[in-house]
C-alpha atoms as a PDB file:
ATOM      1  CA  UNK A   1      -0.265 -16.755  -2.433  1.00  0.00           C
ATOM      2  CA  UNK A   2       2.959 -14.808  -2.366  1.00  0.00           C
ATOM      3  CA  UNK A   3       3.412 -11.493  -0.642  1.00  0.00           C
ATOM      4  CA  UNK A   4       3.896  -8.474  -2.891  1.00  0.00           C
ATOM      5  CA  UNK A   5       6.257  -5.606  -2.091  1.00  0.00           C
ATOM      6  CA  UNK A   6       4.316  -2.355  -2.566  1.00  0.00           C
ATOM      7  CA  UNK A   7       6.566   0.661  -3.073  1.00  0.00           C
ATOM      8  CA  UNK A   8       4.315   3.633  -2.370  1.00  0.00           C
ATOM      9  CA  UNK A   9       5.996   6.773  -3.686  1.00  0.00           C
ATOM     10  CA  UNK A  10       4.610   9.951  -2.104  1.00  0.00           C
ATOM     11  CA  UNK A  11       2.793  12.235  -4.530  1.00  0.00           C
ATOM     12  CA  UNK A  12       3.499  15.959  -4.832  1.00  0.00           C
ATOM     13  CA  UNK A  13       1.304  16.596  -1.757  1.00  0.00           C
ATOM     14  CA  UNK A  14       3.282  14.038   0.286  1.00  0.00           C
ATOM     15  CA  UNK A  15       0.480  11.472   0.335  1.00  0.00           C
ATOM     16  CA  UNK A  16       0.542   7.679  -0.058  1.00  0.00           C
ATOM     17  CA  UNK A  17      -2.001   4.867   0.046  1.00  0.00           C
ATOM     18  CA  UNK A  18      -1.998   3.107   3.438  1.00  0.00           C
ATOM     19  CA  UNK A  19      -3.297  -0.470   3.307  1.00  0.00           C
ATOM     20  CA  UNK A  20      -3.495  -0.676   7.112  1.00  0.00           C
ATOM     21  CA  UNK A  21      -5.839   2.309   7.292  1.00  0.00           C
ATOM     22  CA  UNK A  22      -7.302   1.701   3.798  1.00  0.00           C
ATOM     23  CA  UNK A  23      -7.072   5.332   2.832  1.00  0.00           C
ATOM     24  CA  UNK A  24      -4.787   7.933   1.330  1.00  0.00           C
ATOM     25  CA  UNK A  25      -2.726   9.534   4.099  1.00  0.00           C
ATOM     26  CA  UNK A  26      -0.150  12.261   4.519  1.00  0.00           C
ATOM     27  CA  UNK A  27       3.199  10.502   4.978  1.00  0.00           C
ATOM     28  CA  UNK A  28       4.281  12.765   7.821  1.00  0.00           C
ATOM     29  CA  UNK A  29       6.065  12.035  11.097  1.00  0.00           C
ATOM     30  CA  UNK A  30       2.784  11.185  12.847  1.00  0.00           C
ATOM     31  CA  UNK A  31       1.880   8.588  10.188  1.00  0.00           C
ATOM     32  CA  UNK A  32       5.364   7.072  10.307  1.00  0.00           C
ATOM     33  CA  UNK A  33       5.485   6.836  14.098  1.00  0.00           C
ATOM     34  CA  UNK A  34       1.867   5.929  14.882  1.00  0.00           C
ATOM     35  CA  UNK A  35       1.117   3.603  11.986  1.00  0.00           C
ATOM     36  CA  UNK A  36       4.060   2.603   9.765  1.00  0.00           C
ATOM     37  CA  UNK A  37       6.569   1.620  12.435  1.00  0.00           C
ATOM     38  CA  UNK A  38       4.079  -0.626  14.274  1.00  0.00           C
ATOM     39  CA  UNK A  39       2.507  -2.150  11.170  1.00  0.00           C
ATOM     40  CA  UNK A  40       3.143  -5.815  10.326  1.00  0.00           C
ATOM     41  CA  UNK A  41       3.190  -4.885   6.626  1.00  0.00           C
ATOM     42  CA  UNK A  42       5.885  -2.193   7.020  1.00  0.00           C
ATOM     43  CA  UNK A  43       9.008  -2.913   4.938  1.00  0.00           C
ATOM     44  CA  UNK A  44      10.893   0.414   4.881  1.00  0.00           C
ATOM     45  CA  UNK A  45      10.745   4.015   3.776  1.00  0.00           C
ATOM     46  CA  UNK A  46      11.582   3.626   0.052  1.00  0.00           C
ATOM     47  CA  UNK A  47      14.858   5.539   0.252  1.00  0.00           C
ATOM     48  CA  UNK A  48      13.016   8.584   1.627  1.00  0.00           C
ATOM     49  CA  UNK A  49      10.593   8.710  -1.323  1.00  0.00           C
ATOM     50  CA  UNK A  50       7.629   7.059   0.384  1.00  0.00           C
ATOM     51  CA  UNK A  51       6.914   3.806   2.210  1.00  0.00           C
ATOM     52  CA  UNK A  52       7.303   0.130   1.370  1.00  0.00           C
ATOM     53  CA  UNK A  53       4.701  -2.382   2.482  1.00  0.00           C
ATOM     54  CA  UNK A  54       4.602  -6.161   2.124  1.00  0.00           C
ATOM     55  CA  UNK A  55       1.227  -7.895   1.898  1.00  0.00           C
ATOM     56  CA  UNK A  56      -0.689 -10.502  -0.085  1.00  0.00           C
ATOM     57  CA  UNK A  57      -2.390  -8.686  -2.934  1.00  0.00           C
ATOM     58  CA  UNK A  58      -5.134 -10.565  -4.761  1.00  0.00           C
ATOM     59  CA  UNK A  59      -4.943  -8.201  -7.733  1.00  0.00           C
ATOM     60  CA  UNK A  60      -2.790  -9.089 -10.748  1.00  0.00           C
ATOM     61  CA  UNK A  61       0.109  -6.692 -10.021  1.00  0.00           C
ATOM     62  CA  UNK A  62       3.863  -6.862 -10.520  1.00  0.00           C
ATOM     63  CA  UNK A  63       6.186  -7.716  -7.669  1.00  0.00           C
ATOM     64  CA  UNK A  64       7.396  -5.206  -6.671  1.00  0.00           C
ATOM     65  CA  UNK A  65       4.326  -3.071  -7.286  1.00  0.00           C
ATOM     66  CA  UNK A  66       5.327   0.592  -7.615  1.00  0.00           C
ATOM     67  CA  UNK A  67       2.557   3.052  -6.733  1.00  0.00           C
ATOM     68  CA  UNK A  68       2.845   6.699  -7.782  1.00  0.00           C
ATOM     69  CA  UNK A  69      -0.866   7.623  -7.705  1.00  0.00           C
ATOM     70  CA  UNK A  70      -2.243   6.984  -4.197  1.00  0.00           C
ATOM     71  CA  UNK A  71      -5.878   7.783  -5.018  1.00  0.00           C
ATOM     72  CA  UNK A  72      -5.830   5.409  -7.977  1.00  0.00           C
ATOM     73  CA  UNK A  73      -4.303   2.713  -5.732  1.00  0.00           C
ATOM     74  CA  UNK A  74      -6.983   3.299  -3.083  1.00  0.00           C
ATOM     75  CA  UNK A  75      -9.743   2.977  -5.687  1.00  0.00           C
ATOM     76  CA  UNK A  76      -8.204  -0.174  -7.130  1.00  0.00           C
ATOM     77  CA  UNK A  77      -8.096  -1.766  -3.682  1.00  0.00           C
ATOM     78  CA  UNK A  78     -11.824  -1.201  -3.146  1.00  0.00           C
ATOM     79  CA  UNK A  79     -12.715  -3.535  -6.009  1.00  0.00           C
ATOM     80  CA  UNK A  80     -12.936  -7.087  -4.695  1.00  0.00           C
ATOM     81  CA  UNK A  81     -13.319 -10.213  -6.771  1.00  0.00           C
ATOM     82  CA  UNK A  82     -16.102 -12.523  -5.657  1.00  0.00           C
ATOM     83  CA  UNK A  83     -15.488 -16.146  -6.505  1.00  0.00           C
ATOM     84  CA  UNK A  84     -18.246 -18.676  -6.880  1.00  0.00           C
ATOM     85  CA  UNK A  85     -17.561 -21.695  -4.630  1.00  0.00           C
ATOM     86  CA  UNK A  86     -16.765 -24.907  -6.452  1.00  0.00           C
ATOM     87  CA  UNK A  87     -19.400 -27.625  -5.977  1.00  0.00           C
END
């Protein structure tokens, strides 16, 4: 599985989906310093528009995957496919 670049653009309230914390967060200085900068998925700050994260995404998304609706992205990430083991 290939890693997907997620470009999380902050919404009008300054929020993004954070995969590390699995929730919608305010992309403020505290988030950047305490979570983003130490995260193994961190890939940059999207030219000041949000945050870029690199992780294996099991969903059928484009690469890069541009996210402009953090709550919708959070909801989408809660749905997990369950695969029946092959005999």
